[in-house]
Amino acid sequence: MTQFKIVIKKSCFFCEKLLTWLEDKNVDYKVLDYQNPKDFNDPLMKNPTFNSLYCDMSACVESLPLVVKNDKEFFYSELWDLVNNTIVNEKAKEIFEI
């Protein structure tokens, strides 16, 4: 079964938009709040690919929300039409297998 983790932070417009979209589509997922220290116990935070792609010396995951599929695939920009501030439905459906 495919597992999804959504890395978010509070007061994030795109995070809220994606979580609402996922709820509407009945997608099962786990939320990791990038600003919540207890979420750093998740194995994702020790994943070398995640760290090399989304972290530097000062912080991690500045581009949010970040979708993580099976702790191996990472999605961000391909989900968004930034001109219209909307989700690219076809790409999102493909990623979330719906």
PDB file of N, CA and C in Angstrom:
ATOM      1  N   MET A   1       0.833  -1.177   0.000  1.00  0.00           N
ATOM      2  CA  MET A   1       0.000   0.000   0.000  1.00  0.00           C
ATOM      3  C   MET A   1       0.885   1.251   0.000  1.00  0.00           C
ATOM      4  N   THR A   2       0.538   2.207  -0.806  1.00  0.00           N
ATOM      5  CA  THR A   2       1.303   3.442  -0.907  1.00  0.00           C
ATOM      6  C   THR A   2       1.090   4.290   0.344  1.00  0.00           C
ATOM      7  N   GLN A   3       2.185   4.831   0.859  1.00  0.00           N
ATOM      8  CA  GLN A   3       2.113   5.698   2.034  1.00  0.00           C
ATOM      9  C   GLN A   3       2.536   7.104   1.645  1.00  0.00           C
ATOM     10  N   PHE A   4       1.791   8.079   2.163  1.00  0.00           N
ATOM     11  CA  PHE A   4       2.087   9.475   1.884  1.00  0.00           C
ATOM     12  C   PHE A   4       2.342  10.233   3.180  1.00  0.00           C
ATOM     13  N   LYS A   5       3.364  11.059   3.137  1.00  0.00           N
ATOM     14  CA  LYS A   5       3.628  12.005   4.221  1.00  0.00           C
ATOM     15  C   LYS A   5       3.608  13.388   3.596  1.00  0.00           C
ATOM     16  N   ILE A   6       2.977  14.314   4.303  1.00  0.00           N
ATOM     17  CA  ILE A   6       2.893  15.682   3.836  1.00  0.00           C
ATOM     18  C   ILE A   6       3.631  16.541   4.855  1.00  0.00           C
ATOM     19  N   VAL A   7       4.733  17.134   4.434  1.00  0.00           N
ATOM     20  CA  VAL A   7       5.510  18.001   5.320  1.00  0.00           C
ATOM     21  C   VAL A   7       4.951  19.413   5.180  1.00  0.00           C
ATOM     22  N   ILE A   8       4.531  19.977   6.314  1.00  0.00           N
ATOM     23  CA  ILE A   8       3.869  21.281   6.311  1.00  0.00           C
ATOM     24  C   ILE A   8       4.490  22.201   7.358  1.00  0.00           C
ATOM     25  N   LYS A   9       3.984  23.418   7.405  1.00  0.00           N
ATOM     26  CA  LYS A   9       4.202  24.314   8.539  1.00  0.00           C
ATOM     27  C   LYS A   9       2.914  25.111   8.733  1.00  0.00           C
ATOM     28  N   LYS A  10       2.737  25.625   9.917  1.00  0.00           N
ATOM     29  CA  LYS A  10       1.533  26.393  10.221  1.00  0.00           C
ATOM     30  C   LYS A  10       1.486  27.676   9.404  1.00  0.00           C
ATOM     31  N   SER A  11       0.279  28.138   9.146  1.00  0.00           N
ATOM     32  CA  SER A  11       0.048  29.386   8.400  1.00  0.00           C
ATOM     33  C   SER A  11       0.663  29.343   7.008  1.00  0.00           C
ATOM     34  N   CYS A  12       0.541  28.208   6.365  1.00  0.00           N
ATOM     35  CA  CYS A  12       1.068  28.006   5.015  1.00  0.00           C
ATOM     36  C   CYS A  12      -0.121  27.844   4.073  1.00  0.00           C
ATOM     37  N   PHE A  13      -0.326  28.807   3.205  1.00  0.00           N
ATOM     38  CA  PHE A  13      -1.459  28.805   2.273  1.00  0.00           C
ATOM     39  C   PHE A  13      -1.510  27.521   1.453  1.00  0.00           C
ATOM     40  N   PHE A  14      -0.396  27.148   0.845  1.00  0.00           N
ATOM     41  CA  PHE A  14      -0.376  25.960  -0.012  1.00  0.00           C
ATOM     42  C   PHE A  14      -0.553  24.672   0.796  1.00  0.00           C
ATOM     43  N   CYS A  15      -0.049  24.663   2.024  1.00  0.00           N
ATOM     44  CA  CYS A  15      -0.237  23.485   2.881  1.00  0.00           C
ATOM     45  C   CYS A  15      -1.718  23.264   3.148  1.00  0.00           C
ATOM     46  N   GLU A  16      -2.399  24.324   3.542  1.00  0.00           N
ATOM     47  CA  GLU A  16      -3.829  24.232   3.829  1.00  0.00           C
ATOM     48  C   GLU A  16      -4.612  23.818   2.586  1.00  0.00           C
ATOM     49  N   LYS A  17      -4.239  24.365   1.447  1.00  0.00           N
ATOM     50  CA  LYS A  17      -4.914  24.041   0.191  1.00  0.00           C
ATOM     51  C   LYS A  17      -4.743  22.552  -0.148  1.00  0.00           C
ATOM     52  N   LEU A  18      -3.530  22.026   0.003  1.00  0.00           N
ATOM     53  CA  LEU A  18      -3.285  20.613  -0.299  1.00  0.00           C
ATOM     54  C   LEU A  18      -4.008  19.711   0.695  1.00  0.00           C
ATOM     55  N   LEU A  19      -3.964  20.017   1.974  1.00  0.00           N
ATOM     56  CA  LEU A  19      -4.632  19.176   2.966  1.00  0.00           C
ATOM     57  C   LEU A  19      -6.139  19.136   2.728  1.00  0.00           C
ATOM     58  N   THR A  20      -6.719  20.248   2.356  1.00  0.00           N
ATOM     59  CA  THR A  20      -8.146  20.278   2.028  1.00  0.00           C
ATOM     60  C   THR A  20      -8.430  19.411   0.805  1.00  0.00           C
ATOM     61  N   TRP A  21      -7.585  19.524  -0.224  1.00  0.00           N
ATOM     62  CA  TRP A  21      -7.736  18.731  -1.433  1.00  0.00           C
ATOM     63  C   TRP A  21      -7.657  17.234  -1.101  1.00  0.00           C
ATOM     64  N   LEU A  22      -6.689  16.853  -0.265  1.00  0.00           N
ATOM     65  CA  LEU A  22      -6.524  15.448   0.115  1.00  0.00           C
ATOM     66  C   LEU A  22      -7.735  14.937   0.892  1.00  0.00           C
ATOM     67  N   GLU A  23      -8.246  15.753   1.788  1.00  0.00           N
ATOM     68  CA  GLU A  23      -9.438  15.364   2.550  1.00  0.00           C
ATOM     69  C   GLU A  23     -10.623  15.157   1.607  1.00  0.00           C
ATOM     70  N   ASP A  24     -10.792  16.068   0.658  1.00  0.00           N
ATOM     71  CA  ASP A  24     -11.891  15.954  -0.307  1.00  0.00           C
ATOM     72  C   ASP A  24     -11.796  14.685  -1.142  1.00  0.00           C
ATOM     73  N   LYS A  25     -10.579  14.219  -1.381  1.00  0.00           N
ATOM     74  CA  LYS A  25     -10.357  13.028  -2.205  1.00  0.00           C
ATOM     75  C   LYS A  25     -10.222  11.755  -1.368  1.00  0.00           C
ATOM     76  N   ASN A  26     -10.358  11.885  -0.044  1.00  0.00           N
ATOM     77  CA  ASN A  26     -10.243  10.738   0.877  1.00  0.00           C
ATOM     78  C   ASN A  26      -8.898  10.021   0.776  1.00  0.00           C
ATOM     79  N   VAL A  27      -7.833  10.781   0.624  1.00  0.00           N
ATOM     80  CA  VAL A  27      -6.486  10.213   0.565  1.00  0.00           C
ATOM     81  C   VAL A  27      -5.960  10.054   1.995  1.00  0.00           C
ATOM     82  N   ASP A  28      -5.409   8.895   2.279  1.00  0.00           N
ATOM     83  CA  ASP A  28      -4.818   8.627   3.584  1.00  0.00           C
ATOM     84  C   ASP A  28      -3.382   9.150   3.583  1.00  0.00           C
ATOM     85  N   TYR A  29      -3.028   9.919   4.602  1.00  0.00           N
ATOM     86  CA  TYR A  29      -1.695  10.512   4.671  1.00  0.00           C
ATOM     87  C   TYR A  29      -1.332  10.826   6.116  1.00  0.00           C
ATOM     88  N   LYS A  30      -0.069  11.059   6.343  1.00  0.00           N
ATOM     89  CA  LYS A  30       0.437  11.476   7.650  1.00  0.00           C
ATOM     90  C   LYS A  30       1.013  12.875   7.496  1.00  0.00           C
ATOM     91  N   VAL A  31       0.675  13.749   8.423  1.00  0.00           N
ATOM     92  CA  VAL A  31       1.204  15.107   8.403  1.00  0.00           C
ATOM     93  C   VAL A  31       2.433  15.180   9.296  1.00  0.00           C
ATOM     94  N   LEU A  32       3.488  15.790   8.778  1.00  0.00           N
ATOM     95  CA  LEU A  32       4.676  16.104   9.571  1.00  0.00           C
ATOM     96  C   LEU A  32       4.838  17.617   9.569  1.00  0.00           C
ATOM     97  N   ASP A  33       4.742  18.208  10.749  1.00  0.00           N
ATOM     98  CA  ASP A  33       4.900  19.651  10.872  1.00  0.00           C
ATOM     99  C   ASP A  33       6.388  19.961  11.027  1.00  0.00           C
ATOM    100  N   TYR A  34       6.923  20.604  10.043  1.00  0.00           N
ATOM    101  CA  TYR A  34       8.353  20.906   9.998  1.00  0.00           C
ATOM    102  C   TYR A  34       8.799  21.776  11.161  1.00  0.00           C
ATOM    103  N   GLN A  35       7.868  22.453  11.813  1.00  0.00           N
ATOM    104  CA  GLN A  35       8.201  23.315  12.953  1.00  0.00           C
ATOM    105  C   GLN A  35       7.946  22.632  14.298  1.00  0.00           C
ATOM    106  N   ASN A  36       7.532  21.374  14.273  1.00  0.00           N
ATOM    107  CA  ASN A  36       7.234  20.655  15.500  1.00  0.00           C
ATOM    108  C   ASN A  36       8.349  19.647  15.788  1.00  0.00           C
ATOM    109  N   PRO A  37       9.135  19.868  16.841  1.00  0.00           N
ATOM    110  CA  PRO A  37      10.280  18.985  17.123  1.00  0.00           C
ATOM    111  C   PRO A  37       9.914  17.509  17.272  1.00  0.00           C
ATOM    112  N   LYS A  38       8.726  17.187  17.774  1.00  0.00           N
ATOM    113  CA  LYS A  38       8.383  15.767  17.934  1.00  0.00           C
ATOM    114  C   LYS A  38       8.236  15.058  16.592  1.00  0.00           C
ATOM    115  N   ASP A  39       7.923  15.789  15.532  1.00  0.00           N
ATOM    116  CA  ASP A  39       7.825  15.171  14.215  1.00  0.00           C
ATOM    117  C   ASP A  39       9.187  14.828  13.622  1.00  0.00           C
ATOM    118  N   PHE A  40      10.251  15.330  14.225  1.00  0.00           N
ATOM    119  CA  PHE A  40      11.585  15.015  13.732  1.00  0.00           C
ATOM    120  C   PHE A  40      12.025  13.612  14.116  1.00  0.00           C
ATOM    121  N   ASN A  41      11.213  12.908  14.869  1.00  0.00           N
ATOM    122  CA  ASN A  41      11.496  11.508  15.177  1.00  0.00           C
ATOM    123  C   ASN A  41      11.072  10.582  14.035  1.00  0.00           C
ATOM    124  N   ASP A  42      10.359  11.119  13.077  1.00  0.00           N
ATOM    125  CA  ASP A  42       9.933  10.311  11.940  1.00  0.00           C
ATOM    126  C   ASP A  42      11.163   9.868  11.138  1.00  0.00           C
ATOM    127  N   PRO A  43      11.182   8.625  10.661  1.00  0.00           N
ATOM    128  CA  PRO A  43      12.324   8.131   9.873  1.00  0.00           C
ATOM    129  C   PRO A  43      12.668   8.996   8.662  1.00  0.00           C
ATOM    130  N   LEU A  44      11.684   9.691   8.115  1.00  0.00           N
ATOM    131  CA  LEU A  44      11.955  10.569   6.973  1.00  0.00           C
ATOM    132  C   LEU A  44      13.068  11.557   7.281  1.00  0.00           C
ATOM    133  N   MET A  45      13.105  12.048   8.497  1.00  0.00           N
ATOM    134  CA  MET A  45      14.088  13.068   8.862  1.00  0.00           C
ATOM    135  C   MET A  45      15.522  12.530   8.848  1.00  0.00           C
ATOM    136  N   LYS A  46      15.658  11.207   8.815  1.00  0.00           N
ATOM    137  CA  LYS A  46      16.993  10.589   8.747  1.00  0.00           C
ATOM    138  C   LYS A  46      17.305  10.061   7.349  1.00  0.00           C
ATOM    139  N   ASN A  47      16.384  10.261   6.426  1.00  0.00           N
ATOM    140  CA  ASN A  47      16.539   9.780   5.060  1.00  0.00           C
ATOM    141  C   ASN A  47      17.591  10.631   4.345  1.00  0.00           C
ATOM    142  N   PRO A  48      18.693  10.044   3.872  1.00  0.00           N
ATOM    143  CA  PRO A  48      19.761  10.825   3.240  1.00  0.00           C
ATOM    144  C   PRO A  48      19.310  11.580   1.993  1.00  0.00           C
ATOM    145  N   THR A  49      18.413  10.999   1.218  1.00  0.00           N
ATOM    146  CA  THR A  49      17.918  11.693   0.026  1.00  0.00           C
ATOM    147  C   THR A  49      17.114  12.919   0.426  1.00  0.00           C
ATOM    148  N   PHE A  50      16.230  12.749   1.378  1.00  0.00           N
ATOM    149  CA  PHE A  50      15.440  13.880   1.884  1.00  0.00           C
ATOM    150  C   PHE A  50      16.362  14.994   2.376  1.00  0.00           C
ATOM    151  N   ASN A  51      17.330  14.638   3.174  1.00  0.00           N
ATOM    152  CA  ASN A  51      18.234  15.642   3.739  1.00  0.00           C
ATOM    153  C   ASN A  51      19.085  16.323   2.680  1.00  0.00           C
ATOM    154  N   SER A  52      19.569  15.576   1.726  1.00  0.00           N
ATOM    155  CA  SER A  52      20.420  16.189   0.703  1.00  0.00           C
ATOM    156  C   SER A  52      19.630  17.098  -0.235  1.00  0.00           C
ATOM    157  N   LEU A  53      18.364  16.762  -0.477  1.00  0.00           N
ATOM    158  CA  LEU A  53      17.549  17.570  -1.382  1.00  0.00           C
ATOM    159  C   LEU A  53      16.872  18.754  -0.706  1.00  0.00           C
ATOM    160  N   TYR A  54      16.468  18.593   0.554  1.00  0.00           N
ATOM    161  CA  TYR A  54      15.589  19.589   1.165  1.00  0.00           C
ATOM    162  C   TYR A  54      16.129  20.257   2.421  1.00  0.00           C
ATOM    163  N   CYS A  55      17.363  19.978   2.794  1.00  0.00           N
ATOM    164  CA  CYS A  55      17.928  20.592   3.994  1.00  0.00           C
ATOM    165  C   CYS A  55      19.286  21.217   3.686  1.00  0.00           C
ATOM    166  N   ASP A  56      19.609  22.231   4.475  1.00  0.00           N
ATOM    167  CA  ASP A  56      20.954  22.793   4.438  1.00  0.00           C
ATOM    168  C   ASP A  56      21.393  23.035   5.884  1.00  0.00           C
ATOM    169  N   MET A  57      22.428  23.806   6.078  1.00  0.00           N
ATOM    170  CA  MET A  57      22.950  24.010   7.424  1.00  0.00           C
ATOM    171  C   MET A  57      21.980  24.772   8.331  1.00  0.00           C
ATOM    172  N   SER A  58      21.072  25.558   7.762  1.00  0.00           N
ATOM    173  CA  SER A  58      20.212  26.402   8.587  1.00  0.00           C
ATOM    174  C   SER A  58      18.831  25.805   8.849  1.00  0.00           C
ATOM    175  N   ALA A  59      18.290  25.078   7.897  1.00  0.00           N
ATOM    176  CA  ALA A  59      16.922  24.585   8.063  1.00  0.00           C
ATOM    177  C   ALA A  59      16.598  23.537   7.004  1.00  0.00           C
ATOM    178  N   CYS A  60      15.426  22.977   7.135  1.00  0.00           N
ATOM    179  CA  CYS A  60      14.938  22.021   6.144  1.00  0.00           C
ATOM    180  C   CYS A  60      13.627  22.505   5.547  1.00  0.00           C
ATOM    181  N   VAL A  61      13.354  21.985   4.389  1.00  0.00           N
ATOM    182  CA  VAL A  61      12.097  22.137   3.676  1.00  0.00           C
ATOM    183  C   VAL A  61      11.468  23.524   3.745  1.00  0.00           C
ATOM    184  N   GLU A  62      12.100  24.453   3.089  1.00  0.00           N
ATOM    185  CA  GLU A  62      11.533  25.791   2.990  1.00  0.00           C
ATOM    186  C   GLU A  62      10.396  25.852   1.984  1.00  0.00           C
ATOM    187  N   SER A  63      10.393  24.957   1.019  1.00  0.00           N
ATOM    188  CA  SER A  63       9.321  24.905   0.025  1.00  0.00           C
ATOM    189  C   SER A  63       8.290  23.891   0.491  1.00  0.00           C
ATOM    190  N   LEU A  64       7.168  24.390   0.937  1.00  0.00           N
ATOM    191  CA  LEU A  64       6.151  23.512   1.499  1.00  0.00           C
ATOM    192  C   LEU A  64       4.810  23.758   0.841  1.00  0.00           C
ATOM    193  N   PRO A  65       3.942  22.807   0.847  1.00  0.00           N
ATOM    194  CA  PRO A  65       4.062  21.463   1.404  1.00  0.00           C
ATOM    195  C   PRO A  65       4.897  20.564   0.502  1.00  0.00           C
ATOM    196  N   LEU A  66       5.533  19.643   1.121  1.00  0.00           N
ATOM    197  CA  LEU A  66       6.323  18.653   0.409  1.00  0.00           C
ATOM    198  C   LEU A  66       5.598  17.315   0.541  1.00  0.00           C
ATOM    199  N   VAL A  67       5.361  16.659  -0.572  1.00  0.00           N
ATOM    200  CA  VAL A  67       4.705  15.353  -0.575  1.00  0.00           C
ATOM    201  C   VAL A  67       5.793  14.285  -0.665  1.00  0.00           C
ATOM    202  N   VAL A  68       5.720  13.319   0.230  1.00  0.00           N
ATOM    203  CA  VAL A  68       6.676  12.214   0.252  1.00  0.00           C
ATOM    204  C   VAL A  68       5.894  10.929   0.048  1.00  0.00           C
ATOM    205  N   LYS A  69       6.267  10.214  -0.988  1.00  0.00           N
ATOM    206  CA  LYS A  69       5.577   8.970  -1.345  1.00  0.00           C
ATOM    207  C   LYS A  69       6.484   7.796  -1.014  1.00  0.00           C
ATOM    208  N   ASN A  70       6.018   6.947  -0.090  1.00  0.00           N
ATOM    209  CA  ASN A  70       6.759   5.744   0.320  1.00  0.00           C
ATOM    210  C   ASN A  70       8.175   6.060   0.808  1.00  0.00           C
ATOM    211  N   ASP A  71       8.373   7.215   1.381  1.00  0.00           N
ATOM    212  CA  ASP A  71       9.684   7.656   1.900  1.00  0.00           C
ATOM    213  C   ASP A  71      10.786   7.654   0.840  1.00  0.00           C
ATOM    214  N   LYS A  72      10.404   7.626  -0.453  1.00  0.00           N
ATOM    215  CA  LYS A  72      11.406   7.552  -1.520  1.00  0.00           C
ATOM    216  C   LYS A  72      11.233   8.618  -2.591  1.00  0.00           C
ATOM    217  N   GLU A  73       9.998   9.010  -2.862  1.00  0.00           N
ATOM    218  CA  GLU A  73       9.734   9.987  -3.917  1.00  0.00           C
ATOM    219  C   GLU A  73       9.255  11.289  -3.277  1.00  0.00           C
ATOM    220  N   PHE A  74       9.725  12.405  -3.838  1.00  0.00           N
ATOM    221  CA  PHE A  74       9.427  13.712  -3.287  1.00  0.00           C
ATOM    222  C   PHE A  74       8.809  14.603  -4.360  1.00  0.00           C
ATOM    223  N   PHE A  75       7.736  15.309  -3.985  1.00  0.00           N
ATOM    224  CA  PHE A  75       7.026  16.159  -4.940  1.00  0.00           C
ATOM    225  C   PHE A  75       6.745  17.520  -4.308  1.00  0.00           C
ATOM    226  N   TYR A  76       6.934  18.543  -5.088  1.00  0.00           N
ATOM    227  CA  TYR A  76       6.548  19.881  -4.645  1.00  0.00           C
ATOM    228  C   TYR A  76       6.022  20.714  -5.815  1.00  0.00           C
ATOM    229  N   SER A  77       6.947  21.265  -6.576  1.00  0.00           N
ATOM    230  CA  SER A  77       6.573  22.267  -7.586  1.00  0.00           C
ATOM    231  C   SER A  77       5.660  21.715  -8.677  1.00  0.00           C
ATOM    232  N   GLU A  78       5.783  20.448  -8.996  1.00  0.00           N
ATOM    233  CA  GLU A  78       4.954  19.884 -10.054  1.00  0.00           C
ATOM    234  C   GLU A  78       3.473  19.822  -9.670  1.00  0.00           C
ATOM    235  N   LEU A  79       3.150  20.034  -8.399  1.00  0.00           N
ATOM    236  CA  LEU A  79       1.763  20.023  -7.932  1.00  0.00           C
ATOM    237  C   LEU A  79       1.042  21.348  -8.116  1.00  0.00           C
ATOM    238  N   TRP A  80       1.780  22.417  -8.396  1.00  0.00           N
ATOM    239  CA  TRP A  80       1.195  23.750  -8.291  1.00  0.00           C
ATOM    240  C   TRP A  80       1.201  24.543  -9.585  1.00  0.00           C
ATOM    241  N   ASP A  81       0.090  25.213  -9.817  1.00  0.00           N
ATOM    242  CA  ASP A  81      -0.008  26.256 -10.829  1.00  0.00           C
ATOM    243  C   ASP A  81       0.151  27.551 -10.038  1.00  0.00           C
ATOM    244  N   LEU A  82       1.363  28.061  -9.989  1.00  0.00           N
ATOM    245  CA  LEU A  82       1.661  29.216  -9.141  1.00  0.00           C
ATOM    246  C   LEU A  82       1.097  30.521  -9.689  1.00  0.00           C
ATOM    247  N   VAL A  83       0.753  30.548 -10.950  1.00  0.00           N
ATOM    248  CA  VAL A  83       0.121  31.739 -11.519  1.00  0.00           C
ATOM    249  C   VAL A  83      -1.284  31.905 -10.933  1.00  0.00           C
ATOM    250  N   ASN A  84      -1.997  30.778 -10.823  1.00  0.00           N
ATOM    251  CA  ASN A  84      -3.376  30.811 -10.334  1.00  0.00           C
ATOM    252  C   ASN A  84      -3.521  30.341  -8.880  1.00  0.00           C
ATOM    253  N   ASN A  85      -2.391  29.990  -8.239  1.00  0.00           N
ATOM    254  CA  ASN A  85      -2.402  29.495  -6.852  1.00  0.00           C
ATOM    255  C   ASN A  85      -3.345  28.308  -6.663  1.00  0.00           C
ATOM    256  N   THR A  86      -3.269  27.363  -7.594  1.00  0.00           N
ATOM    257  CA  THR A  86      -4.120  26.180  -7.514  1.00  0.00           C
ATOM    258  C   THR A  86      -3.285  24.909  -7.684  1.00  0.00           C
ATOM    259  N   ILE A  87      -3.893  23.818  -7.293  1.00  0.00           N
ATOM    260  CA  ILE A  87      -3.282  22.506  -7.482  1.00  0.00           C
ATOM    261  C   ILE A  87      -3.480  22.080  -8.927  1.00  0.00           C
ATOM    262  N   VAL A  88      -2.471  21.471  -9.511  1.00  0.00           N
ATOM    263  CA  VAL A  88      -2.597  20.881 -10.847  1.00  0.00           C
ATOM    264  C   VAL A  88      -3.249  19.513 -10.638  1.00  0.00           C
ATOM    265  N   ASN A  89      -4.565  19.474 -10.825  1.00  0.00           N
ATOM    266  CA  ASN A  89      -5.349  18.288 -10.486  1.00  0.00           C
ATOM    267  C   ASN A  89      -4.849  17.016 -11.147  1.00  0.00           C
ATOM    268  N   GLU A  90      -4.562  17.053 -12.416  1.00  0.00           N
ATOM    269  CA  GLU A  90      -4.136  15.829 -13.104  1.00  0.00           C
ATOM    270  C   GLU A  90      -2.829  15.286 -12.523  1.00  0.00           C
ATOM    271  N   LYS A  91      -1.884  16.156 -12.251  1.00  0.00           N
ATOM    272  CA  LYS A  91      -0.612  15.714 -11.673  1.00  0.00           C
ATOM    273  C   LYS A  91      -0.822  15.199 -10.253  1.00  0.00           C
ATOM    274  N   ALA A  92      -1.646  15.899  -9.475  1.00  0.00           N
ATOM    275  CA  ALA A  92      -1.923  15.466  -8.105  1.00  0.00           C
ATOM    276  C   ALA A  92      -2.607  14.103  -8.095  1.00  0.00           C
ATOM    277  N   LYS A  93      -3.557  13.897  -8.985  1.00  0.00           N
ATOM    278  CA  LYS A  93      -4.234  12.605  -9.065  1.00  0.00           C
ATOM    279  C   LYS A  93      -3.263  11.491  -9.434  1.00  0.00           C
ATOM    280  N   GLU A  94      -2.328  11.810 -10.317  1.00  0.00           N
ATOM    281  CA  GLU A  94      -1.308  10.824 -10.691  1.00  0.00           C
ATOM    282  C   GLU A  94      -0.429  10.485  -9.499  1.00  0.00           C
ATOM    283  N   ILE A  95       0.048  11.492  -8.789  1.00  0.00           N
ATOM    284  CA  ILE A  95       0.927  11.264  -7.629  1.00  0.00           C
ATOM    285  C   ILE A  95       0.208  10.465  -6.555  1.00  0.00           C
ATOM    286  N   PHE A  96      -1.042  10.844  -6.267  1.00  0.00           N
ATOM    287  CA  PHE A  96      -1.788  10.203  -5.190  1.00  0.00           C
ATOM    288  C   PHE A  96      -2.582   8.971  -5.636  1.00  0.00           C
ATOM    289  N   GLU A  97      -2.385   8.591  -6.901  1.00  0.00           N
ATOM    290  CA  GLU A  97      -2.939   7.347  -7.439  1.00  0.00           C
ATOM    291  C   GLU A  97      -4.468   7.298  -7.306  1.00  0.00           C
ATOM    292  N   ILE A  98      -5.125   8.380  -7.735  1.00  0.00           N
ATOM    293  CA  ILE A  98      -6.592   8.410  -7.698  1.00  0.00           C
ATOM    294  C   ILE A  98      -7.144   8.774  -9.059  1.00  0.00           C
TER     295      ILE A  98
END
